Amino acid sequence: MKILSIGQMAKLNSVSEKALRIYHKEGLLIPRYVDEQTGYRYYTIQQSATLDMILQMKEIGLSLNTIKEIIGTRDIDFLKSVMEQHITGLEKKIHTLLRANKTSEQILEQCHLCKNKPEIMKITVEEFPERQKLCFRIHSFSVAQEVDPAITALEAWENNLRKVKQQFLARGLPLTLFRNIGCIVSKQDLLERRVCFGEAFVFLDDNMGVEPDAALPAGRFVCMYCDGMTAPDGSYVEEAAILEMLDYIEEHNLTVNGDYHGEVLAETPAFHYTDREMFVKLQIPVV
């Protein structure tokens, strides 16, 4: 039986001598013979089969400890169990990576949107398909009677986002979705021209893999884009914009047909905003 030096074994199998030393140390691939005088390691060509398996198992993501167990156990049922668990783990990682990729694409889209913004503070009427959403409880707040409404509203919203984040964690929702959280004003409050934010939401894409809480029905919406929530005079833009949209609805003989949704399109300080100033699409369903 031909004996191969560690260098020959490494070259023959396209691996490094360092790797073979590690596999020896970890008990995965024991040389057929070790010279006690020199410490030189020697292998046989037949041991390449074990090395092939080690490299394959390592390539699919198994740890050296797990590979050692497989080699030491030499039990097909044990190998089957390891593979089943590994596949389950890979599926979870794939799902996480797909969600991370989707979120990254959305952030990139936000960059393009903020470099090519639609016309700001102009009322439009748009058609939207049904949209799925997650909904969250918040402490209702209104800014109508406040001395400094913009600061009050943004502080109240930031405090409410802490509450939303707690609900995310309690429900086991991925924090990749904890972004662009919008707010809702009920249809009843709109009809009474009262801007009271009573619920938070975030729209879901179809491939997010999270079960939605509700759907915003398809239909026609009176819309307006707001670049930031604070006007130069310190007033709170969203409230004034909603009231202006309600005026438009009345003037054009339309009827409020559901809750107001303030969809956040971008909200990171990387977009030249201070703190959590936002680029928002205001929407009221109408018929």
Protein backbone atom coordinates (compact mmCIF):
# COMPACT_ATOMS: atom_id res chain seq x y z
CA MET A 1 0.00 0.00 0.00
CA LYS A 2 1.49 3.29 -1.11
CA ILE A 3 2.05 5.87 1.63
CA LEU A 4 1.63 9.57 0.85
CA SER A 5 3.34 12.41 2.69
CA ILE A 6 1.17 15.24 3.97
CA GLY A 7 2.38 17.39 1.08
CA GLN A 8 1.50 14.72 -1.47
CA MET A 9 -1.90 14.13 0.14
CA ALA A 10 -2.62 17.86 0.15
CA LYS A 11 -1.60 18.33 -3.48
CA LEU A 12 -3.50 15.26 -4.63
CA ASN A 13 -6.71 16.52 -2.99
CA SER A 14 -6.26 20.25 -3.69
CA VAL A 15 -6.22 21.19 0.00
CA SER A 16 -3.61 22.86 2.16
CA GLU A 17 -1.30 21.03 4.51
CA LYS A 18 -2.63 23.33 7.24
CA ALA A 19 -6.14 21.97 6.65
CA LEU A 20 -4.92 18.38 6.97
CA ARG A 21 -3.19 19.25 10.24
CA ILE A 22 -6.42 20.79 11.55
CA TYR A 23 -8.44 17.72 10.54
CA HIS A 24 -5.88 15.55 12.33
CA LYS A 25 -5.97 17.69 15.45
CA GLU A 26 -9.80 17.68 15.50
CA GLY A 27 -9.91 13.92 15.04
CA LEU A 28 -11.62 13.96 11.64
CA LEU A 29 -8.86 12.51 9.48
CA ILE A 30 -6.13 10.61 11.36
CA PRO A 31 -3.03 9.89 9.28
CA ARG A 32 -2.45 6.20 8.65
CA TYR A 33 1.02 6.60 10.11
CA VAL A 34 2.91 9.28 12.08
CA ASP A 35 6.67 9.05 12.38
CA GLU A 36 7.43 9.30 16.10
CA GLN A 37 10.91 10.65 15.44
CA THR A 38 10.01 13.43 13.00
CA GLY A 39 6.28 13.89 13.57
CA TYR A 40 5.73 13.57 9.81
CA ARG A 41 2.24 12.50 8.82
CA TYR A 42 1.57 9.87 6.16
CA TYR A 43 -1.71 8.95 4.46
CA THR A 44 -3.07 6.37 2.05
CA ILE A 45 -4.92 7.13 -1.15
CA GLN A 46 -7.99 5.37 0.29
CA GLN A 47 -8.26 8.07 2.95
CA SER A 48 -9.16 10.52 0.19
CA ALA A 49 -12.73 9.20 0.42
CA THR A 50 -12.99 10.42 4.03
CA LEU A 51 -11.38 13.72 3.06
CA ASP A 52 -13.89 14.15 0.22
CA MET A 53 -16.74 13.70 2.68
CA ILE A 54 -15.22 16.16 5.15
CA LEU A 55 -14.87 18.80 2.45
CA GLN A 56 -18.40 18.18 1.18
CA MET A 57 -19.94 18.40 4.65
CA LYS A 58 -17.91 21.52 5.38
CA GLU A 59 -19.05 23.08 2.10
CA ILE A 60 -22.75 22.65 2.99
CA GLY A 61 -22.16 24.39 6.31
CA LEU A 62 -21.68 21.64 8.91
CA SER A 63 -19.27 22.34 11.74
CA LEU A 64 -16.11 20.27 12.23
CA ASN A 65 -17.56 18.93 15.48
CA THR A 66 -20.68 17.69 13.69
CA ILE A 67 -18.60 16.15 10.90
CA LYS A 68 -16.49 14.40 13.53
CA GLU A 69 -19.67 12.95 15.09
CA ILE A 70 -20.83 11.68 11.69
CA ILE A 71 -17.49 10.03 10.99
CA GLY A 72 -17.25 8.58 14.49
CA THR A 73 -20.83 7.32 14.59
CA ARG A 74 -20.96 5.76 11.12
CA ASP A 75 -24.73 5.42 11.49
CA ILE A 76 -27.01 6.26 8.58
CA ASP A 77 -29.91 7.09 10.92
CA PHE A 78 -27.72 9.59 12.75
CA LEU A 79 -26.62 11.11 9.43
CA LYS A 80 -30.27 11.32 8.33
CA SER A 81 -31.18 13.14 11.55
CA VAL A 82 -28.29 15.57 11.14
CA MET A 83 -29.28 16.33 7.54
CA GLU A 84 -32.94 16.90 8.46
CA GLN A 85 -31.96 19.38 11.18
CA HIS A 86 -29.44 21.06 8.89
CA ILE A 87 -32.00 21.49 6.11
CA THR A 88 -34.46 23.06 8.57
CA GLY A 89 -31.75 25.47 9.69
CA LEU A 90 -30.84 26.32 6.10
CA GLU A 91 -34.46 27.03 5.23
CA LYS A 92 -34.66 29.49 8.12
CA LYS A 93 -31.45 31.18 6.99
CA ILE A 94 -32.70 31.36 3.41
CA HIS A 95 -35.94 32.95 4.60
CA THR A 96 -34.01 35.48 6.70
CA LEU A 97 -31.70 36.31 3.79
CA LEU A 98 -34.61 36.74 1.39
CA ARG A 99 -36.27 39.14 3.81
CA ALA A 100 -32.98 41.02 4.27
CA ASN A 101 -32.61 41.23 0.50
CA LYS A 102 -36.16 42.53 0.12
CA THR A 103 -35.64 45.14 2.84
CA SER A 104 -32.36 46.22 1.21
CA GLU A 105 -34.15 46.64 -2.12
CA GLN A 106 -36.83 48.76 -0.43
CA ILE A 107 -34.22 51.02 1.19
CA LEU A 108 -32.58 51.41 -2.22
CA GLU A 109 -35.98 52.33 -3.68
CA GLN A 110 -36.32 54.96 -0.94
CA CYS A 111 -33.00 56.45 -2.03
CA HIS A 112 -34.28 56.73 -5.62
CA LEU A 113 -37.60 58.16 -4.40
CA CYS A 114 -35.89 60.82 -2.28
CA LYS A 115 -33.73 61.85 -5.22
CA ASN A 116 -36.77 62.02 -7.52
CA LYS A 117 -39.61 63.15 -5.29
CA PRO A 118 -43.15 63.65 -6.55
CA GLU A 119 -44.71 67.09 -6.22
CA ILE A 120 -45.02 68.02 -2.55
CA MET A 121 -48.20 69.26 -0.82
CA LYS A 122 -50.32 68.82 -3.93
CA ILE A 123 -53.61 66.93 -3.68
CA THR A 124 -54.07 64.09 -6.14
CA VAL A 125 -56.60 61.28 -6.57
CA GLU A 126 -55.03 57.85 -7.09
CA GLU A 127 -56.20 54.25 -7.48
CA PHE A 128 -54.57 51.55 -5.34
CA PRO A 129 -54.98 47.76 -5.23
CA GLU A 130 -55.74 45.99 -1.97
CA ARG A 131 -52.81 46.22 0.43
CA GLN A 132 -52.01 43.94 3.35
CA LYS A 133 -50.86 45.43 6.64
CA LEU A 134 -49.81 44.79 10.22
CA CYS A 135 -51.64 46.84 12.86
CA PHE A 136 -50.46 47.96 16.30
CA ARG A 137 -52.02 49.53 19.37
CA ILE A 138 -50.77 52.97 20.37
CA HIS A 139 -51.70 55.68 22.86
CA SER A 140 -54.10 57.90 20.91
CA PHE A 141 -52.99 61.49 20.61
CA SER A 142 -54.11 64.72 19.00
CA VAL A 143 -52.15 67.91 18.39
CA ALA A 144 -55.04 70.31 17.85
CA GLN A 145 -54.81 72.12 21.19
CA GLU A 146 -51.06 71.99 21.78
CA VAL A 147 -48.88 75.10 22.17
CA ASP A 148 -46.06 73.54 20.13
CA PRO A 149 -47.91 70.95 18.06
CA ALA A 150 -45.08 69.73 15.83
CA ILE A 151 -42.72 68.93 18.71
CA THR A 152 -45.57 67.42 20.74
CA ALA A 153 -46.71 65.21 17.88
CA LEU A 154 -43.24 63.96 16.97
CA GLU A 155 -42.42 63.20 20.61
CA ALA A 156 -45.74 61.40 21.06
CA TRP A 157 -45.10 59.41 17.90
CA GLU A 158 -41.59 58.45 18.98
CA ASN A 159 -42.94 57.23 22.33
CA ASN A 160 -45.62 55.26 20.51
CA LEU A 161 -42.99 53.66 18.28
CA ARG A 162 -41.38 52.24 21.44
CA LYS A 163 -44.76 50.66 22.20
CA VAL A 164 -44.98 49.31 18.65
CA LYS A 165 -41.47 47.86 18.93
CA GLN A 166 -42.45 46.03 22.11
CA GLN A 167 -45.39 44.52 20.22
CA PHE A 168 -43.01 43.46 17.42
CA LEU A 169 -40.84 41.61 19.93
CA ALA A 170 -43.80 40.08 21.76
CA ARG A 171 -45.25 38.76 18.50
CA GLY A 172 -41.91 37.49 17.24
CA LEU A 173 -42.06 39.72 14.17
CA PRO A 174 -38.78 40.34 12.31
CA LEU A 175 -37.28 43.74 13.09
CA THR A 176 -36.53 44.18 9.38
CA LEU A 177 -40.21 45.18 9.22
CA PHE A 178 -39.84 47.74 12.01
CA ARG A 179 -39.43 50.63 9.63
CA ASN A 180 -41.71 53.09 7.85
CA ILE A 181 -44.38 52.67 10.52
CA GLY A 182 -47.38 54.81 9.62
CA CYS A 183 -50.36 56.10 11.60
CA ILE A 184 -54.11 55.87 11.20
CA VAL A 185 -56.97 58.30 11.86
CA SER A 186 -60.35 56.59 12.06
CA LYS A 187 -63.11 57.31 9.58
CA GLN A 188 -65.31 58.60 12.41
CA ASP A 189 -62.67 61.11 13.50
CA LEU A 190 -62.25 62.24 9.90
CA LEU A 191 -65.98 62.81 9.55
CA GLU A 192 -65.84 64.98 12.67
CA ARG A 193 -62.71 66.74 11.34
CA ARG A 194 -60.75 65.57 14.35
CA VAL A 195 -57.16 64.56 13.68
CA CYS A 196 -56.57 61.95 16.35
CA PHE A 197 -53.96 59.28 15.67
CA GLY A 198 -55.31 56.06 17.13
CA GLU A 199 -53.43 53.17 15.53
CA ALA A 200 -50.11 52.34 13.86
CA PHE A 201 -49.55 50.16 10.81
CA VAL A 202 -47.02 48.98 8.25
CA PHE A 203 -47.80 47.70 4.78
CA LEU A 204 -46.58 44.20 3.89
CA ASP A 205 -45.25 43.01 0.57
CA ASP A 206 -46.53 39.64 -0.63
CA ASN A 207 -43.20 37.89 -0.11
CA MET A 208 -42.47 39.08 3.41
CA GLY A 209 -43.67 35.77 4.82
CA VAL A 210 -45.61 37.37 7.67
CA GLU A 211 -49.34 36.87 8.19
CA PRO A 212 -51.13 40.24 7.86
CA ASP A 213 -53.56 41.56 10.47
CA ALA A 214 -55.86 43.29 8.02
CA ALA A 215 -56.20 44.58 4.47
CA LEU A 216 -56.74 48.11 3.19
CA PRO A 217 -59.33 47.59 0.44
CA ALA A 218 -58.62 48.56 -3.14
CA GLY A 219 -60.12 51.79 -4.33
CA ARG A 220 -59.73 55.50 -4.92
CA PHE A 221 -57.74 57.65 -2.50
CA VAL A 222 -57.26 61.37 -2.08
CA CYS A 223 -53.50 61.71 -1.56
CA MET A 224 -50.81 64.21 -0.71
CA TYR A 225 -47.03 63.87 -0.32
CA CYS A 226 -45.33 65.60 2.63
CA ASP A 227 -41.59 66.09 2.84
CA GLY A 228 -41.16 66.30 6.62
CA MET A 229 -43.72 66.79 9.33
CA THR A 230 -42.65 70.23 10.57
CA ALA A 231 -43.35 73.44 8.64
CA PRO A 232 -40.93 76.42 8.80
CA ASP A 233 -43.30 78.18 11.23
CA GLY A 234 -43.20 75.19 13.60
CA SER A 235 -46.69 73.96 12.78
CA TYR A 236 -47.44 70.28 12.35
CA VAL A 237 -47.81 69.60 8.63
CA GLU A 238 -49.76 66.34 8.74
CA GLU A 239 -52.74 67.77 10.63
CA ALA A 240 -53.07 70.77 8.34
CA ALA A 241 -52.69 68.55 5.28
CA ILE A 242 -55.42 66.16 6.43
CA LEU A 243 -57.82 69.05 6.99
CA GLU A 244 -56.98 70.43 3.55
CA MET A 245 -57.68 66.99 2.03
CA LEU A 246 -61.04 66.87 3.82
CA ASP A 247 -61.87 70.28 2.34
CA TYR A 248 -60.98 68.95 -1.11
CA ILE A 249 -63.19 65.89 -0.59
CA GLU A 250 -66.13 68.08 0.37
CA GLU A 251 -65.58 70.56 -2.48
CA HIS A 252 -65.47 67.75 -5.07
CA ASN A 253 -68.58 65.99 -3.74
CA LEU A 254 -66.62 62.93 -2.64
CA THR A 255 -67.30 60.84 0.47
CA VAL A 256 -64.79 59.56 3.00
CA ASN A 257 -64.87 55.78 2.68
CA GLY A 258 -62.52 54.57 5.41
CA ASP A 259 -59.63 55.40 7.71
CA TYR A 260 -56.81 57.79 6.90
CA HIS A 261 -53.42 56.10 6.43
CA GLY A 262 -50.20 58.08 6.66
CA GLU A 263 -47.78 55.83 4.76
CA VAL A 264 -44.15 56.57 5.60
CA LEU A 265 -42.03 56.27 2.47
CA ALA A 266 -38.69 57.21 4.05
CA GLU A 267 -37.62 58.04 7.57
CA THR A 268 -33.89 57.70 8.04
CA PRO A 269 -31.55 60.54 9.15
CA ALA A 270 -29.42 59.55 6.14
CA PHE A 271 -32.01 61.40 4.04
CA HIS A 272 -31.05 64.83 5.46
CA TYR A 273 -33.76 64.77 8.09
CA THR A 274 -33.30 65.53 11.77
CA ASP A 275 -34.26 62.72 14.12
CA ARG A 276 -37.28 60.94 12.58
CA GLU A 277 -38.59 63.54 10.16
CA MET A 278 -40.35 61.61 7.41
CA PHE A 279 -41.35 61.62 3.77
CA VAL A 280 -45.00 60.56 3.89
CA LYS A 281 -47.86 59.79 1.51
CA LEU A 282 -51.14 60.86 3.11
CA GLN A 283 -54.16 58.85 1.95
CA ILE A 284 -57.91 59.02 2.55
CA PRO A 285 -60.16 56.49 0.76
CA VAL A 286 -63.10 58.05 -1.05
CA VAL A 287 -66.08 57.19 -3.22
